[in-house]
C-alpha cells in the first residue's frame, strides 16, 4: 500500500461474507499481481467464519470495514466508495483470483478506452475454462419470451434464443456490452458519484445491471477486454438454490419495471412471472425430479418475488 499522503490511482473494493479462505486468496492475488498505485478496501458483512480477524492479521495495510450487520452487496460497496480515494473504483468479488496482472491490464484498457466509462475483463472457472457470466445484454421482451418458452435453455449457444447471455461469443475479443458483472467491474469514481453508486432498491442481484443501464443513459458504453483475466468461483456465499432464485427473480422484476419501454412492461412482467412455472413443467417432462422440486418451491414462493424488490428513495 502507498502512504496516505499519496493518492492512489485505483481503489479496489472487496465485499466479503463468510468466504474467509477465498477472500484471503483473492487479496494475495491482488498483492502479487497488481502494480498500479492502489488501495484495497474490504467490507466484511458480519461474517461468522472469522473473516474480519483473519483479514486484519494477514493484511494490516488493507482498509478493513468490519461491519456488525450484513448490508448486502450494494450498500456495502456504497459505504466503501465513500472512503475511496482512487481515480477509478474496481469492484472485485472475494471469490476471485487475479491472474497475470489482470488489474493492471484492465486499468490500461480503461486509459485506452475512456469513452466506455465502465470496463470489465474475462472470467474463468477454476479449471480455466470460460465462465461467461462476466457480462450480459440488457433484458428484452424477446429474451424474456425465449426464457419462458425454454428456448434459452435448449439452445444455450444460440445468440438468437439466448440473447441475454451473449451466446456464441467466447469473450475472446474486445466488445461493447450492455452490462459488466460486478465481480470484476472498473468504473471512474466521478461516474460512480454522478450515478449515486448502486441503487439500494436492489437488495441483492441486479444492482450492476441497473448501474450500467443508468450509465448508458448518460453516455457510457461499457466494454470488455479479453486481456484481463480472473478466476471467478461464482456463488461461493450463496448456497441455497431456491433462496438465490427468489432474490434473482425479485431483482429481474424490478429491472423490467425500471428499464423496459413503458409499452412493453405489462407483457414483459406477465411473461417473466410465468418463467418459473414453465421450468416446473419442463423439468418434470425431462424427468429431472430434483430440479422440478426446486422450481416448484420457487413457484410456491411467488408471493415473495412477484412484485420485485420494493422501490427505495435514492440515497437511502
Protein backbone atom coordinates (compact mmCIF):
# COMPACT_ATOMS: atom_id res chain seq x y z
CA UNK A 1 0.00 0.00 0.00
CA UNK A 2 1.12 3.55 -0.65
CA UNK A 3 1.45 6.12 2.12
CA UNK A 4 -1.71 8.03 3.00
CA UNK A 5 -0.22 11.23 1.57
CA UNK A 6 -0.07 9.70 -1.92
CA UNK A 7 -3.40 9.42 -3.66
CA UNK A 8 -3.81 6.00 -5.30
CA UNK A 9 -4.91 5.74 -8.90
CA UNK A 10 -7.19 2.85 -8.06
CA UNK A 11 -9.42 1.86 -5.16
CA UNK A 12 -10.16 -1.87 -5.06
CA UNK A 13 -13.33 -2.71 -3.14
CA UNK A 14 -13.95 -6.25 -1.91
CA UNK A 15 -17.18 -7.16 -0.09
CA UNK A 16 -16.94 -10.44 1.82
CA UNK A 17 -19.43 -12.62 3.62
CA UNK A 18 -18.40 -15.99 5.06
CA UNK A 19 -15.74 -16.55 2.40
CA UNK A 20 -12.66 -16.32 4.64
CA UNK A 21 -10.18 -18.52 2.77
CA UNK A 22 -11.34 -17.34 -0.64
CA UNK A 23 -11.10 -13.71 0.43
CA UNK A 24 -7.54 -14.26 1.67
CA UNK A 25 -6.62 -15.95 -1.62
CA UNK A 26 -8.18 -13.07 -3.53
CA UNK A 27 -6.22 -10.48 -1.55
CA UNK A 28 -2.99 -12.45 -2.01
CA UNK A 29 -3.53 -12.46 -5.77
CA UNK A 30 -4.22 -8.71 -5.78
CA UNK A 31 -0.98 -8.06 -3.90
CA UNK A 32 1.04 -10.36 -6.15
CA UNK A 33 -0.36 -9.26 -9.49
CA UNK A 34 -1.06 -5.53 -9.15
CA UNK A 35 1.50 -2.77 -9.71
CA UNK A 36 -0.72 0.23 -10.43
CA UNK A 37 -0.81 2.51 -7.34
CA UNK A 38 -3.82 1.31 -5.41
CA UNK A 39 -5.59 0.92 -2.11
CA UNK A 40 -7.70 -2.02 -1.01
CA UNK A 41 -10.91 -1.56 0.97
CA UNK A 42 -12.56 -4.69 2.34
CA UNK A 43 -16.07 -4.58 3.75
CA UNK A 44 -16.82 -7.67 5.80
CA UNK A 45 -20.58 -8.08 6.10
CA UNK A 46 -20.65 -9.53 9.64
CA UNK A 47 -19.17 -12.88 8.61
CA UNK A 48 -19.44 -15.67 11.16
CA UNK A 49 -16.34 -17.53 9.93
CA UNK A 50 -13.64 -15.26 11.37
CA UNK A 51 -13.08 -13.38 8.11
CA UNK A 52 -12.54 -9.95 9.65
CA UNK A 53 -9.91 -11.12 12.14
CA UNK A 54 -8.10 -13.21 9.53
CA UNK A 55 -8.01 -10.35 7.02
CA UNK A 56 -6.76 -7.88 9.64
CA UNK A 57 -3.98 -10.27 10.68
CA UNK A 58 -2.85 -11.21 7.16
CA UNK A 59 -3.23 -7.80 5.51
CA UNK A 60 -2.67 -4.97 8.01
CA UNK A 61 -2.33 -2.49 5.13
CA UNK A 62 -5.85 -3.15 3.90
CA UNK A 63 -8.58 -0.73 4.95
CA UNK A 64 -10.93 -3.12 6.70
CA UNK A 65 -14.52 -2.22 7.49
CA UNK A 66 -15.63 -4.97 9.89
CA UNK A 67 -19.40 -4.48 9.95
CA UNK A 68 -21.71 -5.84 12.65
CA UNK A 69 -24.64 -6.28 10.24
CA UNK A 70 -24.89 -7.73 6.75
CA UNK A 71 -25.52 -4.76 4.48
CA UNK A 72 -25.70 -6.82 1.31
CA UNK A 73 -23.60 -6.22 -1.80
CA UNK A 74 -24.97 -2.87 -2.96
CA UNK A 75 -24.91 -0.95 0.32
CA UNK A 76 -21.53 -2.37 1.32
CA UNK A 77 -19.97 -1.13 -1.92
CA UNK A 78 -21.62 2.27 -1.48
CA UNK A 79 -20.21 2.54 2.05
CA UNK A 80 -16.72 1.63 0.88
CA UNK A 81 -16.84 4.02 -2.07
CA UNK A 82 -17.34 6.96 0.31
CA UNK A 83 -13.85 6.30 1.67
CA UNK A 84 -12.22 5.54 -1.70
CA UNK A 85 -9.51 7.93 -2.87
CA UNK A 86 -8.70 6.50 -6.29
CA UNK A 87 -9.48 7.93 -9.70
CA UNK A 88 -11.02 4.55 -10.52
CA UNK A 89 -13.08 2.12 -8.44
CA UNK A 90 -12.69 -1.62 -9.02
CA UNK A 91 -15.43 -3.85 -7.65
CA UNK A 92 -13.87 -7.26 -7.08
CA UNK A 93 -15.63 -10.31 -5.68
CA UNK A 94 -13.93 -12.14 -2.81
CA UNK A 95 -14.35 -15.45 -4.65
CA UNK A 96 -11.95 -14.41 -7.40
CA UNK A 97 -8.24 -14.82 -8.15
CA UNK A 98 -6.40 -12.20 -10.19
CA UNK A 99 -4.30 -13.67 -13.00
CA UNK A 100 -1.29 -12.29 -14.89
CA UNK A 101 -1.55 -8.63 -13.95
CA UNK A 102 -5.25 -8.54 -14.80
CA UNK A 103 -5.99 -5.41 -12.76
CA UNK A 104 -3.09 -3.50 -14.33
CA UNK A 105 -4.28 -4.63 -17.76
CA UNK A 106 -7.84 -3.53 -17.01
CA UNK A 107 -6.72 -0.07 -15.90
CA UNK A 108 -4.58 0.23 -19.06
CA UNK A 109 -7.64 -0.74 -21.11
CA UNK A 110 -9.65 1.96 -19.37
CA UNK A 111 -6.98 4.53 -20.18
CA UNK A 112 -7.10 3.48 -23.83
CA UNK A 113 -10.92 3.44 -23.99
CA UNK A 114 -12.02 6.32 -21.74
CA UNK A 115 -15.34 6.78 -23.54
CA UNK A 116 -16.58 3.46 -22.15
CA UNK A 117 -16.66 4.77 -18.53
CA UNK A 118 -17.16 1.18 -17.29
CA UNK A 119 -14.83 -1.72 -18.09
CA UNK A 120 -14.64 -5.45 -17.44
CA UNK A 121 -12.41 -8.40 -18.18
CA UNK A 122 -12.71 -12.11 -18.90
CA UNK A 123 -13.73 -14.54 -16.16
CA UNK A 124 -12.68 -18.18 -15.96
CA UNK A 125 -13.79 -21.18 -13.93
CA UNK A 126 -11.43 -22.93 -11.54
CA UNK A 127 -10.29 -25.26 -14.34
CA UNK A 128 -9.55 -22.20 -16.51
CA UNK A 129 -12.48 -22.87 -18.82
CA UNK A 130 -14.60 -19.88 -19.82
CA UNK A 131 -17.02 -18.53 -17.25
CA UNK A 132 -19.33 -16.48 -19.50
CA UNK A 133 -21.02 -14.57 -16.66
CA UNK A 134 -18.66 -11.57 -16.91
CA UNK A 135 -21.20 -9.55 -18.90
CA UNK A 136 -24.80 -9.56 -20.07
CA UNK A 137 -27.04 -7.97 -22.64
CA UNK A 138 -29.89 -5.97 -21.20
CA UNK A 139 -33.18 -7.81 -20.69
CA UNK A 140 -35.58 -7.52 -23.61
CA UNK A 141 -39.09 -8.70 -24.33
CA UNK A 142 -37.76 -11.32 -26.75
CA UNK A 143 -35.23 -12.55 -24.19
CA UNK A 144 -37.99 -12.95 -21.60
CA UNK A 145 -40.24 -14.82 -24.06
CA UNK A 146 -37.36 -17.07 -25.10
CA UNK A 147 -36.58 -17.81 -21.46
CA UNK A 148 -40.20 -18.56 -20.55
CA UNK A 149 -40.53 -20.95 -23.51
CA UNK A 150 -37.35 -22.75 -22.52
CA UNK A 151 -35.59 -21.80 -25.73
CA UNK A 152 -32.68 -20.15 -23.95
CA UNK A 153 -32.06 -23.40 -22.06
CA UNK A 154 -32.48 -25.67 -25.07
CA UNK A 155 -30.29 -23.51 -27.32
CA UNK A 156 -27.73 -22.04 -24.92
CA UNK A 157 -25.19 -21.43 -27.70
CA UNK A 158 -27.66 -19.54 -29.88
CA UNK A 159 -27.37 -15.73 -29.94
CA UNK A 160 -30.96 -15.64 -31.19
CA UNK A 161 -32.59 -17.78 -28.50
CA UNK A 162 -30.19 -16.91 -25.67
CA UNK A 163 -29.51 -13.23 -26.36
CA UNK A 164 -29.14 -12.03 -22.77
CA UNK A 165 -26.06 -14.23 -22.28
CA UNK A 166 -24.26 -13.05 -25.45
CA UNK A 167 -24.36 -16.69 -26.51
CA UNK A 168 -21.89 -17.72 -29.18
CA UNK A 169 -19.21 -15.24 -28.08
CA UNK A 170 -16.23 -16.76 -26.27
CA UNK A 171 -15.28 -13.42 -24.69
CA UNK A 172 -12.06 -13.62 -26.70
CA UNK A 173 -12.41 -10.22 -28.35
CA UNK A 174 -12.87 -6.65 -27.20
CA UNK A 175 -16.51 -5.64 -27.35
CA UNK A 176 -19.04 -3.10 -26.16
CA UNK A 177 -21.61 -4.68 -23.85
CA UNK A 178 -24.71 -3.57 -22.01
CA UNK A 179 -23.81 -4.83 -18.54
CA UNK A 180 -20.49 -5.64 -16.86
CA UNK A 181 -20.87 -8.04 -13.95
CA UNK A 182 -19.99 -6.67 -10.52
CA UNK A 183 -17.46 -9.42 -9.78
CA UNK A 184 -14.83 -7.51 -11.81
CA UNK A 185 -16.11 -4.06 -12.71
CA UNK A 186 -13.99 -0.96 -13.16
CA UNK A 187 -15.63 2.46 -13.17
CA UNK A 188 -14.44 6.03 -12.94
CA UNK A 189 -15.12 7.37 -9.48
CA UNK A 190 -16.65 10.54 -10.91
CA UNK A 191 -19.12 8.44 -12.93
CA UNK A 192 -19.94 6.36 -9.83
CA UNK A 193 -20.58 9.54 -7.86
CA UNK A 194 -22.67 11.04 -10.64
CA UNK A 195 -24.87 7.93 -10.64
CA UNK A 196 -25.07 7.86 -6.85
CA UNK A 197 -23.50 4.41 -6.73
CA UNK A 198 -25.70 1.37 -6.54
CA UNK A 199 -29.44 1.83 -6.15
CA UNK A 200 -30.30 0.27 -2.79
CA UNK A 201 -33.67 -0.89 -4.09
CA UNK A 202 -31.65 -3.83 -5.41
CA UNK A 203 -31.01 -5.62 -2.12
CA UNK A 204 -29.22 -8.47 -3.89
CA UNK A 205 -28.65 -9.14 -7.60
CA UNK A 206 -29.40 -6.74 -10.43
CA UNK A 207 -27.52 -3.82 -8.91
CA UNK A 208 -24.76 -3.79 -11.53
CA UNK A 209 -27.30 -4.21 -14.33
CA UNK A 210 -29.19 -1.17 -13.09
CA UNK A 211 -25.94 0.77 -12.63
CA UNK A 212 -24.69 0.01 -16.14
CA UNK A 213 -28.04 0.79 -17.77
CA UNK A 214 -28.23 4.11 -15.92
CA UNK A 215 -24.65 4.80 -17.00
CA UNK A 216 -25.53 4.06 -20.62
CA UNK A 217 -28.33 6.60 -20.33
CA UNK A 218 -25.73 9.32 -19.63
CA UNK A 219 -23.42 8.25 -22.43
CA UNK A 220 -21.35 5.34 -21.09
CA UNK A 221 -20.55 2.45 -23.41
CA UNK A 222 -19.24 -0.36 -21.20
CA UNK A 223 -16.53 -2.54 -22.76
CA UNK A 224 -14.93 -5.93 -22.15
CA UNK A 225 -11.33 -6.86 -22.82
CA UNK A 226 -10.05 -10.46 -23.00
CA UNK A 227 -6.59 -9.26 -21.90
CA UNK A 228 -7.62 -9.00 -18.22
CA UNK A 229 -8.47 -12.43 -16.83
CA UNK A 230 -9.53 -13.59 -13.39
CA UNK A 231 -10.84 -16.83 -11.92
CA UNK A 232 -14.34 -16.49 -10.50
CA UNK A 233 -15.75 -19.16 -8.21
CA UNK A 234 -19.31 -17.93 -8.70
CA UNK A 235 -21.85 -18.11 -5.89
CA UNK A 236 -19.49 -19.02 -3.06
CA UNK A 237 -21.53 -17.20 -0.41
CA UNK A 238 -24.96 -18.26 -1.75
CA UNK A 239 -25.63 -21.96 -1.25
CA UNK A 240 -29.39 -22.50 -1.34
CA UNK A 241 -30.76 -22.60 -4.88
CA UNK A 242 -34.37 -21.64 -4.09
CA UNK A 243 -33.36 -18.70 -1.91
CA UNK A 244 -30.93 -17.48 -4.56
CA UNK A 245 -33.54 -17.72 -7.31
CA UNK A 246 -36.15 -15.88 -5.26
CA UNK A 247 -33.71 -12.98 -4.84
CA UNK A 248 -32.75 -13.09 -8.51
CA UNK A 249 -36.39 -13.06 -9.60
CA UNK A 250 -37.10 -10.08 -7.36
CA UNK A 251 -34.22 -8.21 -8.98
CA UNK A 252 -35.30 -9.06 -12.52
CA UNK A 253 -38.88 -7.97 -11.89
CA UNK A 254 -37.57 -4.59 -10.72
CA UNK A 255 -35.26 -4.36 -13.75
CA UNK A 256 -38.25 -4.87 -16.04
CA UNK A 257 -40.18 -2.17 -14.20
CA UNK A 258 -37.23 0.21 -14.38
CA UNK A 259 -35.70 -0.39 -17.78
CA UNK A 260 -38.27 -1.84 -20.20
CA UNK A 261 -40.04 0.62 -22.50
CA UNK A 262 -43.32 1.56 -20.86
CA UNK A 263 -45.45 -0.15 -23.51
CA UNK A 264 -43.57 -3.45 -23.05
CA UNK A 265 -43.65 -3.62 -19.25
CA UNK A 266 -47.09 -5.25 -18.71
CA UNK A 267 -46.41 -8.03 -21.23
CA UNK A 268 -42.81 -8.41 -20.09
CA UNK A 269 -43.85 -8.83 -16.46
CA UNK A 270 -46.66 -11.24 -17.33
CA UNK A 271 -44.38 -13.49 -19.38
CA UNK A 272 -41.49 -13.31 -16.94
CA UNK A 273 -43.66 -14.26 -13.97
CA UNK A 274 -44.63 -17.46 -15.77
CA UNK A 275 -40.99 -18.48 -16.29
CA UNK A 276 -40.63 -20.50 -13.03
CA UNK A 277 -43.88 -22.33 -13.75
CA UNK A 278 -42.67 -23.22 -17.22
CA UNK A 279 -39.48 -24.58 -15.67
CA UNK A 280 -41.55 -26.76 -13.34
CA UNK A 281 -43.33 -28.30 -16.33
CA UNK A 282 -40.18 -28.58 -18.42
CA UNK A 283 -38.05 -30.28 -15.78
CA UNK A 284 -40.87 -32.70 -14.95
CA UNK A 285 -41.21 -33.66 -18.62
CA UNK A 286 -37.47 -34.28 -18.77
CA UNK A 287 -37.59 -36.42 -15.65
CA UNK A 288 -35.32 -34.10 -13.68
CA UNK A 289 -37.02 -34.64 -10.34
CA UNK A 290 -34.69 -32.62 -8.10
CA UNK A 291 -34.74 -29.62 -10.42
CA UNK A 292 -38.53 -29.85 -10.72
CA UNK A 293 -38.91 -29.84 -6.94
CA UNK A 294 -36.65 -26.81 -6.66
CA UNK A 295 -38.60 -24.88 -9.29
CA UNK A 296 -41.88 -25.92 -7.68
CA UNK A 297 -40.68 -24.43 -4.39
CA UNK A 298 -39.75 -21.21 -6.18
CA UNK A 299 -43.21 -21.07 -7.76
CA UNK A 300 -44.88 -21.69 -4.39
CA UNK A 301 -42.90 -18.74 -3.02
CA UNK A 302 -44.04 -16.42 -5.81
CA UNK A 303 -45.58 -14.06 -3.26
CA UNK A 304 -42.00 -13.16 -2.27
CA UNK A 305 -40.79 -12.22 -5.75
CA UNK A 306 -43.90 -11.38 -7.79
CA UNK A 307 -43.64 -7.62 -7.22
CA UNK A 308 -39.84 -7.40 -7.18
CA UNK A 309 -37.75 -5.54 -4.66
CA UNK A 310 -39.65 -2.54 -3.25
CA UNK A 311 -38.52 0.82 -4.52
CA UNK A 312 -36.26 2.74 -2.12
CA UNK A 313 -35.76 6.52 -2.23
CA UNK A 314 -32.46 7.41 -3.88
CA UNK A 315 -29.68 7.98 -1.38
CA UNK A 316 -31.19 5.70 1.28
